[in-house]
Amino acid sequence: MLESMADLNSGAWAGRIISSPRLRTGENGLKVAYFLLACHRFIKDASTETGWREHADRFPVVAWGYLAERVSKANLVNGAYITISGRLQTYDYQRKLKTSDGVEFTIPTTGFEIALDTFNMVVLPSNPTKAKENSGGAEEPVAAAIPAKQHQERVISDEELEDNLPF
C-alpha cells in the first residue's frame, strides 16, 4: 500500500520580487517565465547588539504555459510583494570552470527551483492612515507599510522579533 502513495512536495512562500519575470518561448512553443523571490527571516547572530539580524533567502521561480503568460503580464516588478505556492524541483547540469592556469573542467551540479502553481499580488499601502480614509473609514486590518528591501541586513532587537511572531 505505501509503495503507491505519492510523496508530498508542496509549499507556500511570501516575499518580494528581486528580478522581474522574463518570458521566453521554447522551440515547441511552450511559454516559460523565470523570476527571483526574496524571503526575509531573522537569524541569531551573537556579534550584533541584539543577537539577531535579518537575512534574505533568494529562490528561483519558474512558471509554465498559461501561468507563465499571466506572470509576465501581472506587472510584477522589483520590490513587488507576492505570495506563491508551488513545488520544489531539481535539475542537473554541467558547470564549466577554468583554473587560474587555464585548464578547463566540468563539475556535475544540481540546481533547484520553485515550480509555480499559484501566485497572488499583495498590495500594501504606503500610508495606512490614507488607506483607511480611502476605504470609507472602514475598520479593516491594514498591514503596516513594508518598504521594498534594499537587500541589506538589519539588526533586530529581541523585543521587536517577539512582537512580530505569529504565535
Foldseek 3Di string as FASTA:
>chain_A
DVVPDDDDFKDKAKFAWAAQWDWDADPVRKIKIKTKGWGKDKDADPVDPQRIKIAIDIAMEMEIHPVSVCSNPVPRHGQFIKMFMFGKDKDWDWDWDADPVGDIDTDIDMDMHGYTDDMDTDDADQDVVVVCVVVVNDPDDHDDHDGRDPRDMDDDHPVRVVVPDPD
